[in-house]
mmCIF file of all heavy atoms, coordinates in Angstrom:
data_MODEL
# 
_entry.id   MODEL 
# 
loop_
_atom_site.group_PDB 
_atom_site.id 
_atom_site.type_symbol 
_atom_site.label_atom_id 
_atom_site.label_alt_id 
_atom_site.label_comp_id 
_atom_site.label_asym_id 
_atom_site.label_entity_id 
_atom_site.label_seq_id 
_atom_site.pdbx_PDB_ins_code 
_atom_site.Cartn_x 
_atom_site.Cartn_y 
_atom_site.Cartn_z 
_atom_site.occupancy 
_atom_site.B_iso_or_equiv 
_atom_site.pdbx_formal_charge 
_atom_site.auth_seq_id 
_atom_site.auth_comp_id 
_atom_site.auth_asym_id 
_atom_site.auth_atom_id 
_atom_site.pdbx_PDB_model_num 
ATOM 1   N N   . PHE A 1 1  ? 10.595 16.009 -2.774  1.00 0.00 ? 1  PHE A N   1 
ATOM 2   C CA  . PHE A 1 1  ? 10.193 16.656 -1.540  1.00 0.00 ? 1  PHE A CA  1 
ATOM 3   C C   . PHE A 1 1  ? 11.296 16.462 -0.516  1.00 0.00 ? 1  PHE A C   1 
ATOM 4   O O   . PHE A 1 1  ? 12.161 15.613 -0.677  1.00 0.00 ? 1  PHE A O   1 
ATOM 5   C CB  . PHE A 1 1  ? 8.880  16.068 -1.013  1.00 0.00 ? 1  PHE A CB  1 
ATOM 6   C CG  . PHE A 1 1  ? 7.666  16.454 -1.801  1.00 0.00 ? 1  PHE A CG  1 
ATOM 7   C CD1 . PHE A 1 1  ? 7.451  15.949 -3.075  1.00 0.00 ? 1  PHE A CD1 1 
ATOM 8   C CD2 . PHE A 1 1  ? 6.721  17.318 -1.268  1.00 0.00 ? 1  PHE A CD2 1 
ATOM 9   C CE1 . PHE A 1 1  ? 6.332  16.295 -3.807  1.00 0.00 ? 1  PHE A CE1 1 
ATOM 10  C CE2 . PHE A 1 1  ? 5.589  17.672 -1.984  1.00 0.00 ? 1  PHE A CE2 1 
ATOM 11  C CZ  . PHE A 1 1  ? 5.400  17.164 -3.253  1.00 0.00 ? 1  PHE A CZ  1 
ATOM 12  N N   . ARG A 1 2  ? 11.240 17.246 0.536   1.00 0.00 ? 2  ARG A N   1 
ATOM 13  C CA  . ARG A 1 2  ? 12.215 17.080 1.601   1.00 0.00 ? 2  ARG A CA  1 
ATOM 14  C C   . ARG A 1 2  ? 11.564 17.334 2.949   1.00 0.00 ? 2  ARG A C   1 
ATOM 15  O O   . ARG A 1 2  ? 10.578 18.062 3.053   1.00 0.00 ? 2  ARG A O   1 
ATOM 16  C CB  . ARG A 1 2  ? 13.418 18.006 1.411   1.00 0.00 ? 2  ARG A CB  1 
ATOM 17  C CG  . ARG A 1 2  ? 13.099 19.491 1.523   1.00 0.00 ? 2  ARG A CG  1 
ATOM 18  C CD  . ARG A 1 2  ? 14.313 20.322 1.137   1.00 0.00 ? 2  ARG A CD  1 
ATOM 19  N NE  . ARG A 1 2  ? 14.078 21.743 1.297   1.00 0.00 ? 2  ARG A NE  1 
ATOM 20  C CZ  . ARG A 1 2  ? 14.926 22.691 0.915   1.00 0.00 ? 2  ARG A CZ  1 
ATOM 21  N NH1 . ARG A 1 2  ? 16.082 22.355 0.341   1.00 0.00 ? 2  ARG A NH1 1 
ATOM 22  N NH2 . ARG A 1 2  ? 14.631 23.968 1.104   1.00 0.00 ? 2  ARG A NH2 1 
ATOM 23  N N   . GLN A 1 3  ? 12.139 16.734 3.960   1.00 0.00 ? 3  GLN A N   1 
ATOM 24  C CA  . GLN A 1 3  ? 11.632 16.900 5.309   1.00 0.00 ? 3  GLN A CA  1 
ATOM 25  C C   . GLN A 1 3  ? 12.799 17.029 6.270   1.00 0.00 ? 3  GLN A C   1 
ATOM 26  O O   . GLN A 1 3  ? 13.604 16.111 6.410   1.00 0.00 ? 3  GLN A O   1 
ATOM 27  C CB  . GLN A 1 3  ? 10.737 15.729 5.710   1.00 0.00 ? 3  GLN A CB  1 
ATOM 28  C CG  . GLN A 1 3  ? 10.034 15.932 7.044   1.00 0.00 ? 3  GLN A CG  1 
ATOM 29  C CD  . GLN A 1 3  ? 8.928  14.925 7.265   1.00 0.00 ? 3  GLN A CD  1 
ATOM 30  O OE1 . GLN A 1 3  ? 8.936  13.846 6.682   1.00 0.00 ? 3  GLN A OE1 1 
ATOM 31  N NE2 . GLN A 1 3  ? 7.970  15.283 8.102   1.00 0.00 ? 3  GLN A NE2 1 
ATOM 32  N N   . ALA A 1 4  ? 12.883 18.175 6.905   1.00 0.00 ? 4  ALA A N   1 
ATOM 33  C CA  . ALA A 1 4  ? 13.901 18.432 7.902   1.00 0.00 ? 4  ALA A CA  1 
ATOM 34  C C   . ALA A 1 4  ? 13.382 18.035 9.276   1.00 0.00 ? 4  ALA A C   1 
ATOM 35  O O   . ALA A 1 4  ? 12.171 17.958 9.494   1.00 0.00 ? 4  ALA A O   1 
ATOM 36  C CB  . ALA A 1 4  ? 14.292 19.910 7.885   1.00 0.00 ? 4  ALA A CB  1 
ATOM 37  N N   . PRO A 1 5  ? 14.283 17.787 10.221  1.00 0.00 ? 5  PRO A N   1 
ATOM 38  C CA  . PRO A 1 5  ? 13.845 17.415 11.568  1.00 0.00 ? 5  PRO A CA  1 
ATOM 39  C C   . PRO A 1 5  ? 12.914 18.450 12.175  1.00 0.00 ? 5  PRO A C   1 
ATOM 40  O O   . PRO A 1 5  ? 13.198 19.647 12.152  1.00 0.00 ? 5  PRO A O   1 
ATOM 41  C CB  . PRO A 1 5  ? 15.161 17.334 12.354  1.00 0.00 ? 5  PRO A CB  1 
ATOM 42  C CG  . PRO A 1 5  ? 16.193 17.020 11.325  1.00 0.00 ? 5  PRO A CG  1 
ATOM 43  C CD  . PRO A 1 5  ? 15.755 17.768 10.102  1.00 0.00 ? 5  PRO A CD  1 
ATOM 44  N N   . GLY A 1 6  ? 11.795 17.991 12.686  1.00 0.00 ? 6  GLY A N   1 
ATOM 45  C CA  . GLY A 1 6  ? 10.840 18.870 13.329  1.00 0.00 ? 6  GLY A CA  1 
ATOM 46  C C   . GLY A 1 6  ? 9.991  19.695 12.390  1.00 0.00 ? 6  GLY A C   1 
ATOM 47  O O   . GLY A 1 6  ? 9.227  20.550 12.848  1.00 0.00 ? 6  GLY A O   1 
ATOM 48  N N   . LYS A 1 7  ? 10.103 19.463 11.094  1.00 0.00 ? 7  LYS A N   1 
ATOM 49  C CA  . LYS A 1 7  ? 9.338  20.219 10.118  1.00 0.00 ? 7  LYS A CA  1 
ATOM 50  C C   . LYS A 1 7  ? 8.534  19.280 9.231   1.00 0.00 ? 7  LYS A C   1 
ATOM 51  O O   . LYS A 1 7  ? 8.843  18.096 9.115   1.00 0.00 ? 7  LYS A O   1 
ATOM 52  C CB  . LYS A 1 7  ? 10.258 21.086 9.256   1.00 0.00 ? 7  LYS A CB  1 
ATOM 53  C CG  . LYS A 1 7  ? 11.112 22.066 10.044  1.00 0.00 ? 7  LYS A CG  1 
ATOM 54  C CD  . LYS A 1 7  ? 11.960 22.927 9.140   1.00 0.00 ? 7  LYS A CD  1 
ATOM 55  C CE  . LYS A 1 7  ? 11.129 23.923 8.364   1.00 0.00 ? 7  LYS A CE  1 
ATOM 56  N NZ  . LYS A 1 7  ? 11.975 24.854 7.564   1.00 0.00 ? 7  LYS A NZ  1 
ATOM 57  N N   . GLU A 1 8  ? 7.515  19.828 8.614   1.00 0.00 ? 8  GLU A N   1 
ATOM 58  C CA  . GLU A 1 8  ? 6.700  19.032 7.721   1.00 0.00 ? 8  GLU A CA  1 
ATOM 59  C C   . GLU A 1 8  ? 7.374  18.881 6.368   1.00 0.00 ? 8  GLU A C   1 
ATOM 60  O O   . GLU A 1 8  ? 8.263  19.657 6.001   1.00 0.00 ? 8  GLU A O   1 
ATOM 61  C CB  . GLU A 1 8  ? 5.309  19.648 7.558   1.00 0.00 ? 8  GLU A CB  1 
ATOM 62  C CG  . GLU A 1 8  ? 5.296  20.983 6.840   1.00 0.00 ? 8  GLU A CG  1 
ATOM 63  C CD  . GLU A 1 8  ? 3.900  21.560 6.740   1.00 0.00 ? 8  GLU A CD  1 
ATOM 64  O OE1 . GLU A 1 8  ? 3.202  21.588 7.761   1.00 0.00 ? 8  GLU A OE1 1 
ATOM 65  O OE2 . GLU A 1 8  ? 3.505  21.974 5.628   1.00 0.00 ? 8  GLU A OE2 1 
ATOM 66  N N   . ARG A 1 9  ? 6.952  17.879 5.643   1.00 0.00 ? 9  ARG A N   1 
ATOM 67  C CA  . ARG A 1 9  ? 7.504  17.657 4.319   1.00 0.00 ? 9  ARG A CA  1 
ATOM 68  C C   . ARG A 1 9  ? 7.125  18.805 3.396   1.00 0.00 ? 9  ARG A C   1 
ATOM 69  O O   . ARG A 1 9  ? 5.979  19.249 3.374   1.00 0.00 ? 9  ARG A O   1 
ATOM 70  C CB  . ARG A 1 9  ? 6.990  16.331 3.761   1.00 0.00 ? 9  ARG A CB  1 
ATOM 71  C CG  . ARG A 1 9  ? 7.613  15.941 2.441   1.00 0.00 ? 9  ARG A CG  1 
ATOM 72  C CD  . ARG A 1 9  ? 7.143  14.564 1.979   1.00 0.00 ? 9  ARG A CD  1 
ATOM 73  N NE  . ARG A 1 9  ? 7.534  13.517 2.908   1.00 0.00 ? 9  ARG A NE  1 
ATOM 74  C CZ  . ARG A 1 9  ? 7.416  12.224 2.663   1.00 0.00 ? 9  ARG A CZ  1 
ATOM 75  N NH1 . ARG A 1 9  ? 6.925  11.814 1.500   1.00 0.00 ? 9  ARG A NH1 1 
ATOM 76  N NH2 . ARG A 1 9  ? 7.785  11.337 3.575   1.00 0.00 ? 9  ARG A NH2 1 
ATOM 77  N N   . GLU A 1 10 ? 8.097  19.280 2.619   1.00 0.00 ? 10 GLU A N   1 
ATOM 78  C CA  . GLU A 1 10 ? 7.856  20.393 1.727   1.00 0.00 ? 10 GLU A CA  1 
ATOM 79  C C   . GLU A 1 10 ? 8.247  20.051 0.298   1.00 0.00 ? 10 GLU A C   1 
ATOM 80  O O   . GLU A 1 10 ? 9.160  19.269 0.042   1.00 0.00 ? 10 GLU A O   1 
ATOM 81  C CB  . GLU A 1 10 ? 8.606  21.649 2.189   1.00 0.00 ? 10 GLU A CB  1 
ATOM 82  C CG  . GLU A 1 10 ? 10.119 21.530 2.137   1.00 0.00 ? 10 GLU A CG  1 
ATOM 83  C CD  . GLU A 1 10 ? 10.827 22.825 2.495   1.00 0.00 ? 10 GLU A CD  1 
ATOM 84  O OE1 . GLU A 1 10 ? 10.156 23.879 2.561   1.00 0.00 ? 10 GLU A OE1 1 
ATOM 85  O OE2 . GLU A 1 10 ? 12.051 22.789 2.720   1.00 0.00 ? 10 GLU A OE2 1 
ATOM 86  N N   . PHE A 1 11 ? 7.558  20.682 -0.623  1.00 0.00 ? 11 PHE A N   1 
ATOM 87  C CA  . PHE A 1 11 ? 7.815  20.496 -2.038  1.00 0.00 ? 11 PHE A CA  1 
ATOM 88  C C   . PHE A 1 11 ? 9.124  21.152 -2.433  1.00 0.00 ? 11 PHE A C   1 
ATOM 89  O O   . PHE A 1 11 ? 9.446  22.249 -1.980  1.00 0.00 ? 11 PHE A O   1 
ATOM 90  C CB  . PHE A 1 11 ? 6.658  21.084 -2.845  1.00 0.00 ? 11 PHE A CB  1 
ATOM 91  C CG  . PHE A 1 11 ? 6.925  21.185 -4.309  1.00 0.00 ? 11 PHE A CG  1 
ATOM 92  C CD1 . PHE A 1 11 ? 6.847  20.071 -5.125  1.00 0.00 ? 11 PHE A CD1 1 
ATOM 93  C CD2 . PHE A 1 11 ? 7.258  22.402 -4.883  1.00 0.00 ? 11 PHE A CD2 1 
ATOM 94  C CE1 . PHE A 1 11 ? 7.090  20.161 -6.477  1.00 0.00 ? 11 PHE A CE1 1 
ATOM 95  C CE2 . PHE A 1 11 ? 7.501  22.507 -6.228  1.00 0.00 ? 11 PHE A CE2 1 
ATOM 96  C CZ  . PHE A 1 11 ? 7.422  21.381 -7.031  1.00 0.00 ? 11 PHE A CZ  1 
ATOM 97  N N   . VAL A 1 12 ? 9.874  20.474 -3.310  1.00 0.00 ? 12 VAL A N   1 
ATOM 98  C CA  . VAL A 1 12 ? 11.137 21.003 -3.810  1.00 0.00 ? 12 VAL A CA  1 
ATOM 99  C C   . VAL A 1 12 ? 11.062 21.281 -5.309  1.00 0.00 ? 12 VAL A C   1 
ATOM 100 O O   . VAL A 1 12 ? 11.312 22.398 -5.757  1.00 0.00 ? 12 VAL A O   1 
ATOM 101 C CB  . VAL A 1 12 ? 12.302 20.048 -3.517  1.00 0.00 ? 12 VAL A CB  1 
ATOM 102 C CG1 . VAL A 1 12 ? 13.595 20.572 -4.140  1.00 0.00 ? 12 VAL A CG1 1 
ATOM 103 C CG2 . VAL A 1 12 ? 12.470 19.861 -2.012  1.00 0.00 ? 12 VAL A CG2 1 
ATOM 104 N N   . ALA A 1 13 ? 10.738 20.267 -6.089  1.00 0.00 ? 13 ALA A N   1 
ATOM 105 C CA  . ALA A 1 13 ? 10.708 20.416 -7.541  1.00 0.00 ? 13 ALA A CA  1 
ATOM 106 C C   . ALA A 1 13 ? 9.936  19.263 -8.156  1.00 0.00 ? 13 ALA A C   1 
ATOM 107 O O   . ALA A 1 13 ? 9.811  18.196 -7.553  1.00 0.00 ? 13 ALA A O   1 
ATOM 108 C CB  . ALA A 1 13 ? 12.128 20.465 -8.117  1.00 0.00 ? 13 ALA A CB  1 
ATOM 109 N N   . GLN A 1 14 ? 9.441  19.464 -9.369  1.00 0.00 ? 14 GLN A N   1 
ATOM 110 C CA  . GLN A 1 14 ? 8.758  18.406 -10.080 1.00 0.00 ? 14 GLN A CA  1 
ATOM 111 C C   . GLN A 1 14 ? 9.016  18.530 -11.565 1.00 0.00 ? 14 GLN A C   1 
ATOM 112 O O   . GLN A 1 14 ? 9.384  19.592 -12.065 1.00 0.00 ? 14 GLN A O   1 
ATOM 113 C CB  . GLN A 1 14 ? 7.246  18.425 -9.809  1.00 0.00 ? 14 GLN A CB  1 
ATOM 114 C CG  . GLN A 1 14 ? 6.529  19.647 -10.369 1.00 0.00 ? 14 GLN A CG  1 
ATOM 115 C CD  . GLN A 1 14 ? 5.049  19.662 -10.036 1.00 0.00 ? 14 GLN A CD  1 
ATOM 116 O OE1 . GLN A 1 14 ? 4.650  19.277 -8.934  1.00 0.00 ? 14 GLN A OE1 1 
ATOM 117 N NE2 . GLN A 1 14 ? 4.236  20.117 -10.976 1.00 0.00 ? 14 GLN A NE2 1 
ATOM 118 N N   . ILE A 1 15 ? 8.789  17.431 -12.271 1.00 0.00 ? 15 ILE A N   1 
ATOM 119 C CA  . ILE A 1 15 ? 8.978  17.415 -13.714 1.00 0.00 ? 15 ILE A CA  1 
ATOM 120 C C   . ILE A 1 15 ? 7.987  16.454 -14.343 1.00 0.00 ? 15 ILE A C   1 
ATOM 121 O O   . ILE A 1 15 ? 7.686  15.395 -13.795 1.00 0.00 ? 15 ILE A O   1 
ATOM 122 C CB  . ILE A 1 15 ? 10.437 17.038 -14.078 1.00 0.00 ? 15 ILE A CB  1 
ATOM 123 C CG1 . ILE A 1 15 ? 10.697 17.242 -15.569 1.00 0.00 ? 15 ILE A CG1 1 
ATOM 124 C CG2 . ILE A 1 15 ? 10.761 15.609 -13.647 1.00 0.00 ? 15 ILE A CG2 1 
ATOM 125 C CD1 . ILE A 1 15 ? 12.178 17.202 -15.931 1.00 0.00 ? 15 ILE A CD1 1 
ATOM 126 N N   . SER A 1 16 ? 7.490  16.825 -15.502 1.00 0.00 ? 16 SER A N   1 
ATOM 127 C CA  . SER A 1 16 ? 6.586  15.976 -16.265 1.00 0.00 ? 16 SER A CA  1 
ATOM 128 C C   . SER A 1 16 ? 7.382  15.042 -17.159 1.00 0.00 ? 16 SER A C   1 
ATOM 129 O O   . SER A 1 16 ? 8.350  15.460 -17.799 1.00 0.00 ? 16 SER A O   1 
ATOM 130 C CB  . SER A 1 16 ? 5.651  16.843 -17.114 1.00 0.00 ? 16 SER A CB  1 
ATOM 131 O OG  . SER A 1 16 ? 4.957  16.067 -18.067 1.00 0.00 ? 16 SER A OG  1 
ATOM 132 N N   . TRP A 1 17 ? 6.983  13.786 -17.212 1.00 0.00 ? 17 TRP A N   1 
ATOM 133 C CA  . TRP A 1 17 ? 7.663  12.837 -18.076 1.00 0.00 ? 17 TRP A CA  1 
ATOM 134 C C   . TRP A 1 17 ? 7.545  13.214 -19.543 1.00 0.00 ? 17 TRP A C   1 
ATOM 135 O O   . TRP A 1 17 ? 8.507  13.127 -20.303 1.00 0.00 ? 17 TRP A O   1 
ATOM 136 C CB  . TRP A 1 17 ? 7.097  11.426 -17.884 1.00 0.00 ? 17 TRP A CB  1 
ATOM 137 C CG  . TRP A 1 17 ? 7.528  10.723 -16.645 1.00 0.00 ? 17 TRP A CG  1 
ATOM 138 C CD1 . TRP A 1 17 ? 6.735  10.341 -15.610 1.00 0.00 ? 17 TRP A CD1 1 
ATOM 139 C CD2 . TRP A 1 17 ? 8.853  10.293 -16.316 1.00 0.00 ? 17 TRP A CD2 1 
ATOM 140 N NE1 . TRP A 1 17 ? 7.481  9.696  -14.647 1.00 0.00 ? 17 TRP A NE1 1 
ATOM 141 C CE2 . TRP A 1 17 ? 8.776  9.655  -15.055 1.00 0.00 ? 17 TRP A CE2 1 
ATOM 142 C CE3 . TRP A 1 17 ? 10.088 10.382 -16.953 1.00 0.00 ? 17 TRP A CE3 1 
ATOM 143 C CZ2 . TRP A 1 17 ? 9.903  9.111  -14.426 1.00 0.00 ? 17 TRP A CZ2 1 
ATOM 144 C CZ3 . TRP A 1 17 ? 11.203 9.848  -16.326 1.00 0.00 ? 17 TRP A CZ3 1 
ATOM 145 C CH2 . TRP A 1 17 ? 11.103 9.218  -15.080 1.00 0.00 ? 17 TRP A CH2 1 
ATOM 146 N N   . SER A 1 18 ? 6.361  13.639 -19.953 1.00 0.00 ? 18 SER A N   1 
ATOM 147 C CA  . SER A 1 18 ? 6.102  13.868 -21.371 1.00 0.00 ? 18 SER A CA  1 
ATOM 148 C C   . SER A 1 18 ? 6.680  15.175 -21.887 1.00 0.00 ? 18 SER A C   1 
ATOM 149 O O   . SER A 1 18 ? 7.392  15.196 -22.898 1.00 0.00 ? 18 SER A O   1 
ATOM 150 C CB  . SER A 1 18 ? 4.599  13.822 -21.639 1.00 0.00 ? 18 SER A CB  1 
ATOM 151 O OG  . SER A 1 18 ? 3.913  14.805 -20.885 1.00 0.00 ? 18 SER A OG  1 
ATOM 152 N N   . SER A 1 19 ? 6.391  16.267 -21.218 1.00 0.00 ? 19 SER A N   1 
ATOM 153 C CA  . SER A 1 19 ? 6.796  17.582 -21.705 1.00 0.00 ? 19 SER A CA  1 
ATOM 154 C C   . SER A 1 19 ? 8.123  18.062 -21.136 1.00 0.00 ? 19 SER A C   1 
ATOM 155 O O   . SER A 1 19 ? 8.776  18.924 -21.727 1.00 0.00 ? 19 SER A O   1 
ATOM 156 C CB  . SER A 1 19 ? 5.717  18.612 -21.393 1.00 0.00 ? 19 SER A CB  1 
ATOM 157 O OG  . SER A 1 19 ? 5.613  18.835 -20.001 1.00 0.00 ? 19 SER A OG  1 
ATOM 158 N N   . GLY A 1 20 ? 8.503  17.544 -19.987 1.00 0.00 ? 20 GLY A N   1 
ATOM 159 C CA  . GLY A 1 20 ? 9.687  18.038 -19.315 1.00 0.00 ? 20 GLY A CA  1 
ATOM 160 C C   . GLY A 1 20 ? 9.468  19.344 -18.577 1.00 0.00 ? 20 GLY A C   1 
ATOM 161 O O   . GLY A 1 20 ? 10.435 19.942 -18.089 1.00 0.00 ? 20 GLY A O   1 
ATOM 162 N N   . ASN A 1 21 ? 8.227  19.802 -18.505 1.00 0.00 ? 21 ASN A N   1 
ATOM 163 C CA  . ASN A 1 21 ? 7.932  21.023 -17.765 1.00 0.00 ? 21 ASN A CA  1 
ATOM 164 C C   . ASN A 1 21 ? 8.293  20.852 -16.302 1.00 0.00 ? 21 ASN A C   1 
ATOM 165 O O   . ASN A 1 21 ? 8.026  19.810 -15.703 1.00 0.00 ? 21 ASN A O   1 
ATOM 166 C CB  . ASN A 1 21 ? 6.451  21.380 -17.889 1.00 0.00 ? 21 ASN A CB  1 
ATOM 167 C CG  . ASN A 1 21 ? 6.098  21.894 -19.259 1.00 0.00 ? 21 ASN A CG  1 
ATOM 168 O OD1 . ASN A 1 21 ? 6.966  22.290 -20.036 1.00 0.00 ? 21 ASN A OD1 1 
ATOM 169 N ND2 . ASN A 1 21 ? 4.808  21.900 -19.574 1.00 0.00 ? 21 ASN A ND2 1 
ATOM 170 N N   . THR A 1 22 ? 8.873  21.895 -15.752 1.00 0.00 ? 22 THR A N   1 
ATOM 171 C CA  . THR A 1 22 ? 9.362  21.837 -14.380 1.00 0.00 ? 22 THR A CA  1 
ATOM 172 C C   . THR A 1 22 ? 8.712  22.896 -13.510 1.00 0.00 ? 22 THR A C   1 
ATOM 173 O O   . THR A 1 22 ? 8.207  23.904 -13.993 1.00 0.00 ? 22 THR A O   1 
ATOM 174 C CB  . THR A 1 22 ? 10.887 22.020 -14.324 1.00 0.00 ? 22 THR A CB  1 
ATOM 175 O OG1 . THR A 1 22 ? 11.229 23.296 -14.891 1.00 0.00 ? 22 THR A OG1 1 
ATOM 176 C CG2 . THR A 1 22 ? 11.586 20.922 -15.100 1.00 0.00 ? 22 THR A CG2 1 
ATOM 177 N N   . LEU A 1 23 ? 8.757  22.653 -12.228 1.00 0.00 ? 23 LEU A N   1 
ATOM 178 C CA  . LEU A 1 23 ? 8.264  23.587 -11.235 1.00 0.00 ? 23 LEU A CA  1 
ATOM 179 C C   . LEU A 1 23 ? 9.170  23.487 -10.020 1.00 0.00 ? 23 LEU A C   1 
ATOM 180 O O   . LEU A 1 23 ? 9.526  22.389 -9.601  1.00 0.00 ? 23 LEU A O   1 
ATOM 181 C CB  . LEU A 1 23 ? 6.822  23.260 -10.854 1.00 0.00 ? 23 LEU A CB  1 
ATOM 182 C CG  . LEU A 1 23 ? 6.145  24.186 -9.841  1.00 0.00 ? 23 LEU A CG  1 
ATOM 183 C CD1 . LEU A 1 23 ? 5.912  25.563 -10.451 1.00 0.00 ? 23 LEU A CD1 1 
ATOM 184 C CD2 . LEU A 1 23 ? 4.821  23.583 -9.374  1.00 0.00 ? 23 LEU A CD2 1 
ATOM 185 N N   . TYR A 1 24 ? 9.536  24.634 -9.457  1.00 0.00 ? 24 TYR A N   1 
ATOM 186 C CA  . TYR A 1 24 ? 10.442 24.667 -8.322  1.00 0.00 ? 24 TYR A CA  1 
ATOM 187 C C   . TYR A 1 24 ? 9.859  25.464 -7.177  1.00 0.00 ? 24 TYR A C   1 
ATOM 188 O O   . TYR A 1 24 ? 9.123  26.435 -7.380  1.00 0.00 ? 24 TYR A O   1 
ATOM 189 C CB  . TYR A 1 24 ? 11.776 25.317 -8.705  1.00 0.00 ? 24 TYR A CB  1 
ATOM 190 C CG  . TYR A 1 24 ? 12.563 24.573 -9.748  1.00 0.00 ? 24 TYR A CG  1 
ATOM 191 C CD1 . TYR A 1 24 ? 12.422 24.865 -11.092 1.00 0.00 ? 24 TYR A CD1 1 
ATOM 192 C CD2 . TYR A 1 24 ? 13.456 23.578 -9.371  1.00 0.00 ? 24 TYR A CD2 1 
ATOM 193 C CE1 . TYR A 1 24 ? 13.157 24.187 -12.044 1.00 0.00 ? 24 TYR A CE1 1 
ATOM 194 C CE2 . TYR A 1 24 ? 14.189 22.893 -10.318 1.00 0.00 ? 24 TYR A CE2 1 
ATOM 195 C CZ  . TYR A 1 24 ? 14.039 23.203 -11.654 1.00 0.00 ? 24 TYR A CZ  1 
ATOM 196 O OH  . TYR A 1 24 ? 14.770 22.527 -12.599 1.00 0.00 ? 24 TYR A OH  1 
ATOM 197 N N   . ALA A 1 25 ? 10.218 25.049 -5.988  1.00 0.00 ? 25 ALA A N   1 
ATOM 198 C CA  . ALA A 1 25 ? 9.930  25.870 -4.829  1.00 0.00 ? 25 ALA A CA  1 
ATOM 199 C C   . ALA A 1 25 ? 10.803 27.118 -4.871  1.00 0.00 ? 25 ALA A C   1 
ATOM 200 O O   . ALA A 1 25 ? 11.935 27.088 -5.361  1.00 0.00 ? 25 ALA A O   1 
ATOM 201 C CB  . ALA A 1 25 ? 10.189 25.094 -3.544  1.00 0.00 ? 25 ALA A CB  1 
ATOM 202 N N   . ASP A 1 26 ? 10.279 28.214 -4.360  1.00 0.00 ? 26 ASP A N   1 
ATOM 203 C CA  . ASP A 1 26 ? 11.034 29.463 -4.377  1.00 0.00 ? 26 ASP A CA  1 
ATOM 204 C C   . ASP A 1 26 ? 12.371 29.333 -3.655  1.00 0.00 ? 26 ASP A C   1 
ATOM 205 O O   . ASP A 1 26 ? 13.361 29.970 -4.040  1.00 0.00 ? 26 ASP A O   1 
ATOM 206 C CB  . ASP A 1 26 ? 10.217 30.581 -3.736  1.00 0.00 ? 26 ASP A CB  1 
ATOM 207 C CG  . ASP A 1 26 ? 9.061  31.038 -4.600  1.00 0.00 ? 26 ASP A CG  1 
ATOM 208 O OD1 . ASP A 1 26 ? 9.075  30.763 -5.818  1.00 0.00 ? 26 ASP A OD1 1 
ATOM 209 O OD2 . ASP A 1 26 ? 8.144  31.680 -4.062  1.00 0.00 ? 26 ASP A OD2 1 
ATOM 210 N N   . SER A 1 27 ? 12.419 28.507 -2.640  1.00 0.00 ? 27 SER A N   1 
ATOM 211 C CA  . SER A 1 27 ? 13.620 28.384 -1.834  1.00 0.00 ? 27 SER A CA  1 
ATOM 212 C C   . SER A 1 27 ? 14.792 27.748 -2.576  1.00 0.00 ? 27 SER A C   1 
ATOM 213 O O   . SER A 1 27 ? 15.938 27.881 -2.140  1.00 0.00 ? 27 SER A O   1 
ATOM 214 C CB  . SER A 1 27 ? 13.320 27.577 -0.565  1.00 0.00 ? 27 SER A CB  1 
ATOM 215 O OG  . SER A 1 27 ? 12.860 26.281 -0.893  1.00 0.00 ? 27 SER A OG  1 
ATOM 216 N N   . VAL A 1 28 ? 14.517 27.066 -3.683  1.00 0.00 ? 28 VAL A N   1 
ATOM 217 C CA  . VAL A 1 28 ? 15.585 26.380 -4.405  1.00 0.00 ? 28 VAL A CA  1 
ATOM 218 C C   . VAL A 1 28 ? 15.774 26.888 -5.823  1.00 0.00 ? 28 VAL A C   1 
ATOM 219 O O   . VAL A 1 28 ? 16.693 26.431 -6.523  1.00 0.00 ? 28 VAL A O   1 
ATOM 220 C CB  . VAL A 1 28 ? 15.359 24.855 -4.431  1.00 0.00 ? 28 VAL A CB  1 
ATOM 221 C CG1 . VAL A 1 28 ? 15.186 24.318 -3.015  1.00 0.00 ? 28 VAL A CG1 1 
ATOM 222 C CG2 . VAL A 1 28 ? 14.156 24.497 -5.296  1.00 0.00 ? 28 VAL A CG2 1 
# 
């Protein structure tokens, strides 16, 4: 996740330990 000054924390990317499946925010 990331948080810029004056903004709320936003999701960036995630990964599962077992499967390696990933998910990304559209912005990245």
